[in-house]
Amino acid sequence: VPRALVTDKLRSYGVAHRELMRSVEHRQSKYLNNRAENSHQPTRQRERAMKGFRSPTSAQKFLSVFSAVSPHFRPRRHLLTAPDYRAEMTIRFTIWNKITGVPAAP
């Protein structure tokens, strides 16, 4: 049995709490549930990207490649200074151009 039940302020949660877990403390807060919400961010990001596709199969084909390539173009910006970020992106685009066979820009 959990020590506390944390929910947002939706009224139906209170009714369910009274019926199912009367002995457990019920905390209703807008902020206490953030850990669970934040853990789903990568999933939500993928769902948002899937909206533009006509079928789940085509979305999955694209996203399986996208999820592997995407981090290459998203360095951890908050850890880098602006000059370091520009240098890192130059390196990453050079690598990408070599892999894809795209000639370098003049």
PDB file of N, CA and C in Angstrom:
ATOM      1  N   VAL A   1       0.861  -1.182   0.000  1.00  0.00           N
ATOM      2  CA  VAL A   1       0.000   0.000   0.000  1.00  0.00           C
ATOM      3  C   VAL A   1       0.895   1.229   0.000  1.00  0.00           C
ATOM      4  N   PRO A   2       0.635   2.175  -0.900  1.00  0.00           N
ATOM      5  CA  PRO A   2       1.456   3.391  -0.942  1.00  0.00           C
ATOM      6  C   PRO A   2       1.201   4.281   0.279  1.00  0.00           C
ATOM      7  N   ARG A   3       2.183   5.122   0.618  1.00  0.00           N
ATOM      8  CA  ARG A   3       2.022   6.057   1.738  1.00  0.00           C
ATOM      9  C   ARG A   3       1.149   7.231   1.347  1.00  0.00           C
ATOM     10  N   ALA A   4       1.285   7.678   0.087  1.00  0.00           N
ATOM     11  CA  ALA A   4       0.527   8.843  -0.361  1.00  0.00           C
ATOM     12  C   ALA A   4       0.135   8.666  -1.816  1.00  0.00           C
ATOM     13  N   LEU A   5      -0.976   9.268  -2.163  1.00  0.00           N
ATOM     14  CA  LEU A   5      -1.465   9.277  -3.536  1.00  0.00           C
ATOM     15  C   LEU A   5      -1.349  10.712  -4.025  1.00  0.00           C
ATOM     16  N   VAL A   6      -0.558  10.949  -5.067  1.00  0.00           N
ATOM     17  CA  VAL A   6      -0.335  12.297  -5.578  1.00  0.00           C
ATOM     18  C   VAL A   6      -1.050  12.433  -6.904  1.00  0.00           C
ATOM     19  N   THR A   7      -1.941  13.415  -6.997  1.00  0.00           N
ATOM     20  CA  THR A   7      -2.671  13.670  -8.235  1.00  0.00           C
ATOM     21  C   THR A   7      -2.740  15.163  -8.487  1.00  0.00           C
ATOM     22  N   ASP A   8      -3.198  15.523  -9.669  1.00  0.00           N
ATOM     23  CA  ASP A   8      -3.479  16.934  -9.898  1.00  0.00           C
ATOM     24  C   ASP A   8      -4.853  17.216  -9.301  1.00  0.00           C
ATOM     25  N   LYS A   9      -5.434  18.349  -9.609  1.00  0.00           N
ATOM     26  CA  LYS A   9      -6.661  18.747  -8.918  1.00  0.00           C
ATOM     27  C   LYS A   9      -7.948  18.331  -9.611  1.00  0.00           C
ATOM     28  N   LEU A  10      -7.878  17.332 -10.464  1.00  0.00           N
ATOM     29  CA  LEU A  10      -9.081  16.834 -11.116  1.00  0.00           C
ATOM     30  C   LEU A  10      -9.998  16.218 -10.057  1.00  0.00           C
ATOM     31  N   ARG A  11     -11.261  16.627 -10.028  1.00  0.00           N
ATOM     32  CA  ARG A  11     -12.176  16.228  -8.954  1.00  0.00           C
ATOM     33  C   ARG A  11     -12.453  14.727  -8.918  1.00  0.00           C
ATOM     34  N   SER A  12     -12.432  14.073 -10.051  1.00  0.00           N
ATOM     35  CA  SER A  12     -12.745  12.646 -10.063  1.00  0.00           C
ATOM     36  C   SER A  12     -11.705  11.821  -9.309  1.00  0.00           C
ATOM     37  N   TYR A  13     -10.481  12.331  -9.148  1.00  0.00           N
ATOM     38  CA  TYR A  13      -9.473  11.618  -8.373  1.00  0.00           C
ATOM     39  C   TYR A  13      -9.887  11.511  -6.904  1.00  0.00           C
ATOM     40  N   GLY A  14     -10.493  12.556  -6.376  1.00  0.00           N
ATOM     41  CA  GLY A  14     -10.945  12.542  -4.983  1.00  0.00           C
ATOM     42  C   GLY A  14     -11.987  11.462  -4.744  1.00  0.00           C
ATOM     43  N   VAL A  15     -12.916  11.313  -5.671  1.00  0.00           N
ATOM     44  CA  VAL A  15     -13.956  10.291  -5.557  1.00  0.00           C
ATOM     45  C   VAL A  15     -13.321   8.903  -5.601  1.00  0.00           C
ATOM     46  N   ALA A  16     -12.431   8.680  -6.534  1.00  0.00           N
ATOM     47  CA  ALA A  16     -11.754   7.386  -6.646  1.00  0.00           C
ATOM     48  C   ALA A  16     -10.944   7.095  -5.385  1.00  0.00           C
ATOM     49  N   HIS A  17     -10.290   8.116  -4.856  1.00  0.00           N
ATOM     50  CA  HIS A  17      -9.501   7.940  -3.632  1.00  0.00           C
ATOM     51  C   HIS A  17     -10.394   7.492  -2.477  1.00  0.00           C
ATOM     52  N   ARG A  18     -11.514   8.137  -2.305  1.00  0.00           N
ATOM     53  CA  ARG A  18     -12.421   7.777  -1.209  1.00  0.00           C
ATOM     54  C   ARG A  18     -12.948   6.352  -1.355  1.00  0.00           C
ATOM     55  N   GLU A  19     -13.194   5.925  -2.583  1.00  0.00           N
ATOM     56  CA  GLU A  19     -13.748   4.594  -2.800  1.00  0.00           C
ATOM     57  C   GLU A  19     -12.691   3.488  -2.714  1.00  0.00           C
ATOM     58  N   LEU A  20     -11.470   3.753  -3.194  1.00  0.00           N
ATOM     59  CA  LEU A  20     -10.474   2.692  -3.317  1.00  0.00           C
ATOM     60  C   LEU A  20      -9.395   2.690  -2.239  1.00  0.00           C
ATOM     61  N   MET A  21      -8.916   3.861  -1.846  1.00  0.00           N
ATOM     62  CA  MET A  21      -7.779   3.931  -0.927  1.00  0.00           C
ATOM     63  C   MET A  21      -8.042   4.917   0.204  1.00  0.00           C
ATOM     64  N   ARG A  22      -9.043   4.696   0.957  1.00  0.00           N
ATOM     65  CA  ARG A  22      -9.425   5.631   2.009  1.00  0.00           C
ATOM     66  C   ARG A  22      -8.308   5.829   3.044  1.00  0.00           C
ATOM     67  N   SER A  23      -7.509   4.797   3.325  1.00  0.00           N
ATOM     68  CA  SER A  23      -6.489   4.878   4.371  1.00  0.00           C
ATOM     69  C   SER A  23      -5.219   5.612   3.921  1.00  0.00           C
ATOM     70  N   VAL A  24      -5.072   5.867   2.629  1.00  0.00           N
ATOM     71  CA  VAL A  24      -3.860   6.501   2.094  1.00  0.00           C
ATOM     72  C   VAL A  24      -4.066   8.009   2.020  1.00  0.00           C
ATOM     73  N   GLU A  25      -3.013   8.756   2.386  1.00  0.00           N
ATOM     74  CA  GLU A  25      -3.075  10.219   2.293  1.00  0.00           C
ATOM     75  C   GLU A  25      -3.178  10.632   0.825  1.00  0.00           C
ATOM     76  N   HIS A  26      -4.041  11.586   0.542  1.00  0.00           N
ATOM     77  CA  HIS A  26      -4.230  12.058  -0.828  1.00  0.00           C
ATOM     78  C   HIS A  26      -3.703  13.479  -0.926  1.00  0.00           C
ATOM     79  N   ARG A  27      -2.658  13.659  -1.717  1.00  0.00           N
ATOM     80  CA  ARG A  27      -2.088  14.999  -1.930  1.00  0.00           C
ATOM     81  C   ARG A  27      -2.471  15.469  -3.323  1.00  0.00           C
ATOM     82  N   GLN A  28      -3.152  16.594  -3.370  1.00  0.00           N
ATOM     83  CA  GLN A  28      -3.518  17.162  -4.663  1.00  0.00           C
ATOM     84  C   GLN A  28      -2.663  18.395  -4.885  1.00  0.00           C
ATOM     85  N   SER A  29      -1.849  18.353  -5.906  1.00  0.00           N
ATOM     86  CA  SER A  29      -0.966  19.476  -6.198  1.00  0.00           C
ATOM     87  C   SER A  29      -0.678  19.528  -7.681  1.00  0.00           C
ATOM     88  N   LYS A  30      -0.457  20.728  -8.121  1.00  0.00           N
ATOM     89  CA  LYS A  30      -0.130  20.942  -9.527  1.00  0.00           C
ATOM     90  C   LYS A  30       1.321  20.531  -9.810  1.00  0.00           C
ATOM     91  N   TYR A  31       2.163  20.531  -8.773  1.00  0.00           N
ATOM     92  CA  TYR A  31       3.595  20.366  -8.984  1.00  0.00           C
ATOM     93  C   TYR A  31       4.179  19.042  -8.496  1.00  0.00           C
ATOM     94  N   LEU A  32       3.541  18.376  -7.551  1.00  0.00           N
ATOM     95  CA  LEU A  32       4.118  17.162  -6.976  1.00  0.00           C
ATOM     96  C   LEU A  32       4.222  16.020  -7.968  1.00  0.00           C
ATOM     97  N   ASN A  33       3.396  16.024  -9.003  1.00  0.00           N
ATOM     98  CA  ASN A  33       3.361  14.923  -9.960  1.00  0.00           C
ATOM     99  C   ASN A  33       4.340  15.122 -11.122  1.00  0.00           C
ATOM    100  N   ASN A  34       5.178  16.139 -11.063  1.00  0.00           N
ATOM    101  CA  ASN A  34       6.053  16.469 -12.190  1.00  0.00           C
ATOM    102  C   ASN A  34       7.061  15.380 -12.520  1.00  0.00           C
ATOM    103  N   ARG A  35       7.532  14.626 -11.537  1.00  0.00           N
ATOM    104  CA  ARG A  35       8.535  13.594 -11.821  1.00  0.00           C
ATOM    105  C   ARG A  35       7.977  12.578 -12.817  1.00  0.00           C
ATOM    106  N   ALA A  36       6.756  12.156 -12.603  1.00  0.00           N
ATOM    107  CA  ALA A  36       6.146  11.190 -13.527  1.00  0.00           C
ATOM    108  C   ALA A  36       5.910  11.823 -14.891  1.00  0.00           C
ATOM    109  N   GLU A  37       5.460  13.066 -14.910  1.00  0.00           N
ATOM    110  CA  GLU A  37       5.192  13.730 -16.186  1.00  0.00           C
ATOM    111  C   GLU A  37       6.479  13.922 -16.980  1.00  0.00           C
ATOM    112  N   ASN A  38       7.541  14.327 -16.313  1.00  0.00           N
ATOM    113  CA  ASN A  38       8.802  14.581 -17.003  1.00  0.00           C
ATOM    114  C   ASN A  38       9.445  13.312 -17.533  1.00  0.00           C
ATOM    115  N   SER A  39       9.198  12.196 -16.896  1.00  0.00           N
ATOM    116  CA  SER A  39       9.794  10.953 -17.374  1.00  0.00           C
ATOM    117  C   SER A  39       9.191  10.520 -18.713  1.00  0.00           C
ATOM    118  N   HIS A  40       8.031  11.077 -19.057  1.00  0.00           N
ATOM    119  CA  HIS A  40       7.376  10.722 -20.317  1.00  0.00           C
ATOM    120  C   HIS A  40       7.713  11.680 -21.456  1.00  0.00           C
ATOM    121  N   GLN A  41       8.599  12.651 -21.214  1.00  0.00           N
ATOM    122  CA  GLN A  41       8.888  13.649 -22.241  1.00  0.00           C
ATOM    123  C   GLN A  41       9.410  13.060 -23.546  1.00  0.00           C
ATOM    124  N   PRO A  42      10.356  12.105 -23.528  1.00  0.00           N
ATOM    125  CA  PRO A  42      10.796  11.553 -24.809  1.00  0.00           C
ATOM    126  C   PRO A  42       9.656  10.893 -25.583  1.00  0.00           C
ATOM    127  N   THR A  43       8.767  10.228 -24.862  1.00  0.00           N
ATOM    128  CA  THR A  43       7.619   9.593 -25.515  1.00  0.00           C
ATOM    129  C   THR A  43       6.720  10.651 -26.125  1.00  0.00           C
ATOM    130  N   ARG A  44       6.459  11.701 -25.381  1.00  0.00           N
ATOM    131  CA  ARG A  44       5.596  12.782 -25.893  1.00  0.00           C
ATOM    132  C   ARG A  44       6.229  13.471 -27.103  1.00  0.00           C
ATOM    133  N   GLN A  45       7.542  13.603 -27.066  1.00  0.00           N
ATOM    134  CA  GLN A  45       8.250  14.221 -28.188  1.00  0.00           C
ATOM    135  C   GLN A  45       8.067  13.369 -29.451  1.00  0.00           C
ATOM    136  N   ARG A  46       8.171  12.061 -29.300  1.00  0.00           N
ATOM    137  CA  ARG A  46       7.971  11.172 -30.445  1.00  0.00           C
ATOM    138  C   ARG A  46       6.526  11.219 -30.924  1.00  0.00           C
ATOM    139  N   GLU A  47       5.569  11.273 -29.991  1.00  0.00           N
ATOM    140  CA  GLU A  47       4.154  11.348 -30.378  1.00  0.00           C
ATOM    141  C   GLU A  47       3.893  12.613 -31.182  1.00  0.00           C
ATOM    142  N   ARG A  48       4.465  13.728 -30.739  1.00  0.00           N
ATOM    143  CA  ARG A  48       4.262  14.998 -31.431  1.00  0.00           C
ATOM    144  C   ARG A  48       4.804  14.912 -32.857  1.00  0.00           C
ATOM    145  N   ALA A  49       5.945  14.254 -33.022  1.00  0.00           N
ATOM    146  CA  ALA A  49       6.529  14.109 -34.357  1.00  0.00           C
ATOM    147  C   ALA A  49       5.681  13.194 -35.237  1.00  0.00           C
ATOM    148  N   MET A  50       4.969  12.254 -34.627  1.00  0.00           N
ATOM    149  CA  MET A  50       4.175  11.292 -35.394  1.00  0.00           C
ATOM    150  C   MET A  50       2.902  11.897 -35.984  1.00  0.00           C
ATOM    151  N   LYS A  51       2.479  13.042 -35.499  1.00  0.00           N
ATOM    152  CA  LYS A  51       1.214  13.625 -35.953  1.00  0.00           C
ATOM    153  C   LYS A  51       1.183  13.915 -37.450  1.00  0.00           C
ATOM    154  N   GLY A  52       2.330  14.178 -38.048  1.00  0.00           N
ATOM    155  CA  GLY A  52       2.359  14.524 -39.461  1.00  0.00           C
ATOM    156  C   GLY A  52       2.344  13.342 -40.411  1.00  0.00           C
ATOM    157  N   PHE A  53       2.308  12.136 -39.900  1.00  0.00           N
ATOM    158  CA  PHE A  53       2.373  10.951 -40.750  1.00  0.00           C
ATOM    159  C   PHE A  53       0.992  10.366 -40.996  1.00  0.00           C
ATOM    160  N   ARG A  54       0.840   9.709 -42.127  1.00  0.00           N
ATOM    161  CA  ARG A  54      -0.461   9.144 -42.482  1.00  0.00           C
ATOM    162  C   ARG A  54      -0.714   7.797 -41.836  1.00  0.00           C
ATOM    163  N   SER A  55       0.344   7.063 -41.548  1.00  0.00           N
ATOM    164  CA  SER A  55       0.146   5.749 -40.933  1.00  0.00           C
ATOM    165  C   SER A  55       1.201   5.533 -39.850  1.00  0.00           C
ATOM    166  N   PRO A  56       0.869   4.736 -38.851  1.00  0.00           N
ATOM    167  CA  PRO A  56       1.845   4.435 -37.806  1.00  0.00           C
ATOM    168  C   PRO A  56       3.092   3.736 -38.350  1.00  0.00           C
ATOM    169  N   THR A  57       2.937   2.949 -39.412  1.00  0.00           N
ATOM    170  CA  THR A  57       4.085   2.243 -39.985  1.00  0.00           C
ATOM    171  C   THR A  57       5.096   3.217 -40.570  1.00  0.00           C
ATOM    172  N   SER A  58       4.612   4.188 -41.346  1.00  0.00           N
ATOM    173  CA  SER A  58       5.541   5.156 -41.937  1.00  0.00           C
ATOM    174  C   SER A  58       6.167   6.031 -40.859  1.00  0.00           C
ATOM    175  N   ALA A  59       5.397   6.352 -39.824  1.00  0.00           N
ATOM    176  CA  ALA A  59       5.944   7.135 -38.720  1.00  0.00           C
ATOM    177  C   ALA A  59       7.048   6.348 -38.015  1.00  0.00           C
ATOM    178  N   GLN A  60       6.812   5.079 -37.781  1.00  0.00           N
ATOM    179  CA  GLN A  60       7.798   4.271 -37.077  1.00  0.00           C
ATOM    180  C   GLN A  60       9.081   4.126 -37.886  1.00  0.00           C
ATOM    181  N   LYS A  61       8.952   3.968 -39.200  1.00  0.00           N
ATOM    182  CA  LYS A  61      10.142   3.870 -40.057  1.00  0.00           C
ATOM    183  C   LYS A  61      10.990   5.128 -39.940  1.00  0.00           C
ATOM    184  N   PHE A  62      10.320   6.286 -40.017  1.00  0.00           N
ATOM    185  CA  PHE A  62      11.042   7.546 -39.925  1.00  0.00           C
ATOM    186  C   PHE A  62      11.649   7.735 -38.538  1.00  0.00           C
ATOM    187  N   LEU A  63      10.838   7.508 -37.507  1.00  0.00           N
ATOM    188  CA  LEU A  63      11.289   7.796 -36.151  1.00  0.00           C
ATOM    189  C   LEU A  63      12.391   6.859 -35.672  1.00  0.00           C
ATOM    190  N   SER A  64      12.430   5.643 -36.185  1.00  0.00           N
ATOM    191  CA  SER A  64      13.505   4.745 -35.778  1.00  0.00           C
ATOM    192  C   SER A  64      14.858   5.282 -36.241  1.00  0.00           C
ATOM    193  N   VAL A  65      14.895   5.901 -37.409  1.00  0.00           N
ATOM    194  CA  VAL A  65      16.129   6.517 -37.903  1.00  0.00           C
ATOM    195  C   VAL A  65      16.343   7.868 -37.231  1.00  0.00           C
ATOM    196  N   PHE A  66      15.271   8.641 -37.104  1.00  0.00           N
ATOM    197  CA  PHE A  66      15.355   9.981 -36.529  1.00  0.00           C
ATOM    198  C   PHE A  66      15.904   9.948 -35.105  1.00  0.00           C
ATOM    199  N   SER A  67      15.454   8.974 -34.317  1.00  0.00           N
ATOM    200  CA  SER A  67      15.904   8.919 -32.926  1.00  0.00           C
ATOM    201  C   SER A  67      17.393   8.588 -32.829  1.00  0.00           C
ATOM    202  N   ALA A  68      17.941   7.947 -33.831  1.00  0.00           N
ATOM    203  CA  ALA A  68      19.381   7.657 -33.830  1.00  0.00           C
ATOM    204  C   ALA A  68      20.203   8.852 -34.319  1.00  0.00           C
ATOM    205  N   VAL A  69      19.662   9.609 -35.273  1.00  0.00           N
ATOM    206  CA  VAL A  69      20.399  10.715 -35.887  1.00  0.00           C
ATOM    207  C   VAL A  69      20.226  12.018 -35.110  1.00  0.00           C
ATOM    208  N   SER A  70      19.082  12.223 -34.541  1.00  0.00           N
ATOM    209  CA  SER A  70      18.741  13.480 -33.882  1.00  0.00           C
ATOM    210  C   SER A  70      19.750  13.948 -32.828  1.00  0.00           C
ATOM    211  N   PRO A  71      20.219  13.094 -31.932  1.00  0.00           N
ATOM    212  CA  PRO A  71      21.171  13.577 -30.918  1.00  0.00           C
ATOM    213  C   PRO A  71      22.476  14.118 -31.511  1.00  0.00           C
ATOM    214  N   HIS A  72      22.816  13.685 -32.724  1.00  0.00           N
ATOM    215  CA  HIS A  72      24.032  14.177 -33.375  1.00  0.00           C
ATOM    216  C   HIS A  72      23.952  15.684 -33.587  1.00  0.00           C
ATOM    217  N   PHE A  73      22.756  16.198 -33.852  1.00  0.00           N
ATOM    218  CA  PHE A  73      22.596  17.624 -34.127  1.00  0.00           C
ATOM    219  C   PHE A  73      22.084  18.406 -32.920  1.00  0.00           C
ATOM    220  N   ARG A  74      22.032  17.772 -31.775  1.00  0.00           N
ATOM    221  CA  ARG A  74      21.597  18.463 -30.560  1.00  0.00           C
ATOM    222  C   ARG A  74      22.619  18.257 -29.451  1.00  0.00           C
ATOM    223  N   PRO A  75      23.749  18.960 -29.527  1.00  0.00           N
ATOM    224  CA  PRO A  75      24.711  18.828 -28.433  1.00  0.00           C
ATOM    225  C   PRO A  75      24.107  19.428 -27.166  1.00  0.00           C
ATOM    226  N   ARG A  76      24.645  19.086 -26.056  1.00  0.00           N
ATOM    227  CA  ARG A  76      24.096  19.581 -24.794  1.00  0.00           C
ATOM    228  C   ARG A  76      24.483  21.047 -24.648  1.00  0.00           C
ATOM    229  N   ARG A  77      23.678  21.892 -25.241  1.00  0.00           N
ATOM    230  CA  ARG A  77      23.966  23.314 -25.402  1.00  0.00           C
ATOM    231  C   ARG A  77      24.253  24.016 -24.083  1.00  0.00           C
ATOM    232  N   HIS A  78      23.568  23.647 -23.029  1.00  0.00           N
ATOM    233  CA  HIS A  78      23.746  24.331 -21.749  1.00  0.00           C
ATOM    234  C   HIS A  78      25.122  24.076 -21.139  1.00  0.00           C
ATOM    235  N   LEU A  79      25.861  23.114 -21.682  1.00  0.00           N
ATOM    236  CA  LEU A  79      27.193  22.808 -21.152  1.00  0.00           C
ATOM    237  C   LEU A  79      28.301  23.484 -21.958  1.00  0.00           C
ATOM    238  N   LEU A  80      27.950  24.149 -23.049  1.00  0.00           N
ATOM    239  CA  LEU A  80      28.953  24.717 -23.942  1.00  0.00           C
ATOM    240  C   LEU A  80      28.866  26.238 -24.009  1.00  0.00           C
ATOM    241  N   THR A  81      30.019  26.863 -24.193  1.00  0.00           N
ATOM    242  CA  THR A  81      30.012  28.302 -24.469  1.00  0.00           C
ATOM    243  C   THR A  81      29.641  28.482 -25.938  1.00  0.00           C
ATOM    244  N   ALA A  82      29.289  29.689 -26.331  1.00  0.00           N
ATOM    245  CA  ALA A  82      28.875  29.944 -27.716  1.00  0.00           C
ATOM    246  C   ALA A  82      29.964  29.567 -28.726  1.00  0.00           C
ATOM    247  N   PRO A  83      31.223  29.965 -28.513  1.00  0.00           N
ATOM    248  CA  PRO A  83      32.263  29.564 -29.487  1.00  0.00           C
ATOM    249  C   PRO A  83      32.455  28.040 -29.546  1.00  0.00           C
ATOM    250  N   ASP A  84      32.392  27.394 -28.390  1.00  0.00           N
ATOM    251  CA  ASP A  84      32.530  25.931 -28.365  1.00  0.00           C
ATOM    252  C   ASP A  84      31.358  25.258 -29.088  1.00  0.00           C
ATOM    253  N   TYR A  85      30.170  25.809 -28.906  1.00  0.00           N
ATOM    254  CA  TYR A  85      28.989  25.260 -29.573  1.00  0.00           C
ATOM    255  C   TYR A  85      29.135  25.374 -31.097  1.00  0.00           C
ATOM    256  N   ARG A  86      29.555  26.537 -31.574  1.00  0.00           N
ATOM    257  CA  ARG A  86      29.732  26.738 -33.020  1.00  0.00           C
ATOM    258  C   ARG A  86      30.792  25.789 -33.568  1.00  0.00           C
ATOM    259  N   ALA A  87      31.884  25.633 -32.844  1.00  0.00           N
ATOM    260  CA  ALA A  87      32.949  24.723 -33.287  1.00  0.00           C
ATOM    261  C   ALA A  87      32.440  23.280 -33.318  1.00  0.00           C
ATOM    262  N   GLU A  88      31.710  22.888 -32.285  1.00  0.00           N
ATOM    263  CA  GLU A  88      31.168  21.532 -32.213  1.00  0.00           C
ATOM    264  C   GLU A  88      30.192  21.269 -33.359  1.00  0.00           C
ATOM    265  N   MET A  89      29.334  22.240 -33.664  1.00  0.00           N
ATOM    266  CA  MET A  89      28.366  22.062 -34.748  1.00  0.00           C
ATOM    267  C   MET A  89      29.067  22.014 -36.106  1.00  0.00           C
ATOM    268  N   THR A  90      30.127  22.786 -36.269  1.00  0.00           N
ATOM    269  CA  THR A  90      30.898  22.726 -37.515  1.00  0.00           C
ATOM    270  C   THR A  90      31.477  21.326 -37.704  1.00  0.00           C
ATOM    271  N   ILE A  91      32.025  20.776 -36.636  1.00  0.00           N
ATOM    272  CA  ILE A  91      32.580  19.415 -36.693  1.00  0.00           C
ATOM    273  C   ILE A  91      31.488  18.408 -37.025  1.00  0.00           C
ATOM    274  N   ARG A  92      30.353  18.538 -36.348  1.00  0.00           N
ATOM    275  CA  ARG A  92      29.269  17.571 -36.554  1.00  0.00           C
ATOM    276  C   ARG A  92      28.692  17.639 -37.970  1.00  0.00           C
ATOM    277  N   PHE A  93      28.566  18.838 -38.514  1.00  0.00           N
ATOM    278  CA  PHE A  93      28.057  18.945 -39.885  1.00  0.00           C
ATOM    279  C   PHE A  93      29.082  18.435 -40.893  1.00  0.00           C
ATOM    280  N   THR A  94      30.358  18.611 -40.614  1.00  0.00           N
ATOM    281  CA  THR A  94      31.398  18.066 -41.488  1.00  0.00           C
ATOM    282  C   THR A  94      31.309  16.539 -41.508  1.00  0.00           C
ATOM    283  N   ILE A  95      31.153  15.947 -40.333  1.00  0.00           N
ATOM    284  CA  ILE A  95      31.002  14.494 -40.247  1.00  0.00           C
ATOM    285  C   ILE A  95      29.762  14.044 -41.008  1.00  0.00           C
ATOM    286  N   TRP A  96      28.659  14.764 -40.812  1.00  0.00           N
ATOM    287  CA  TRP A  96      27.397  14.409 -41.485  1.00  0.00           C
ATOM    288  C   TRP A  96      27.555  14.489 -43.002  1.00  0.00           C
ATOM    289  N   ASN A  97      28.229  15.542 -43.485  1.00  0.00           N
ATOM    290  CA  ASN A  97      28.418  15.699 -44.929  1.00  0.00           C
ATOM    291  C   ASN A  97      29.298  14.577 -45.503  1.00  0.00           C
ATOM    292  N   LYS A  98      30.284  14.121 -44.746  1.00  0.00           N
ATOM    293  CA  LYS A  98      31.118  13.007 -45.210  1.00  0.00           C
ATOM    294  C   LYS A  98      30.289  11.730 -45.289  1.00  0.00           C
ATOM    295  N   ILE A  99      29.473  11.479 -44.283  1.00  0.00           N
ATOM    296  CA  ILE A  99      28.671  10.244 -44.252  1.00  0.00           C
ATOM    297  C   ILE A  99      27.646  10.233 -45.377  1.00  0.00           C
ATOM    298  N   THR A 100      26.998  11.370 -45.597  1.00  0.00           N
ATOM    299  CA  THR A 100      25.911  11.413 -46.600  1.00  0.00           C
ATOM    300  C   THR A 100      26.415  11.700 -48.005  1.00  0.00           C
ATOM    301  N   GLY A 101      27.681  12.096 -48.146  1.00  0.00           N
ATOM    302  CA  GLY A 101      28.227  12.384 -49.475  1.00  0.00           C
ATOM    303  C   GLY A 101      27.856  13.741 -50.011  1.00  0.00           C
ATOM    304  N   VAL A 102      27.427  14.638 -49.146  1.00  0.00           N
ATOM    305  CA  VAL A 102      27.066  16.004 -49.564  1.00  0.00           C
ATOM    306  C   VAL A 102      28.344  16.836 -49.614  1.00  0.00           C
ATOM    307  N   PRO A 103      28.579  17.547 -50.723  1.00  0.00           N
ATOM    308  CA  PRO A 103      29.787  18.376 -50.790  1.00  0.00           C
ATOM    309  C   PRO A 103      29.709  19.540 -49.779  1.00  0.00           C
ATOM    310  N   ALA A 104      30.854  19.916 -49.257  1.00  0.00           N
ATOM    311  CA  ALA A 104      30.903  20.997 -48.266  1.00  0.00           C
ATOM    312  C   ALA A 104      30.535  22.324 -48.923  1.00  0.00           C
ATOM    313  N   ALA A 105      29.902  23.200 -48.158  1.00  0.00           N
ATOM    314  CA  ALA A 105      29.512  24.520 -48.664  1.00  0.00           C
ATOM    315  C   ALA A 105      30.757  25.385 -48.827  1.00  0.00           C
ATOM    316  N   PRO A 106      30.783  26.231 -49.870  1.00  0.00           N
ATOM    317  CA  PRO A 106      31.988  27.074 -50.092  1.00  0.00           C
ATOM    318  C   PRO A 106      32.132  28.173 -49.084  1.00  0.00           C
TER     319      PRO A 106
END
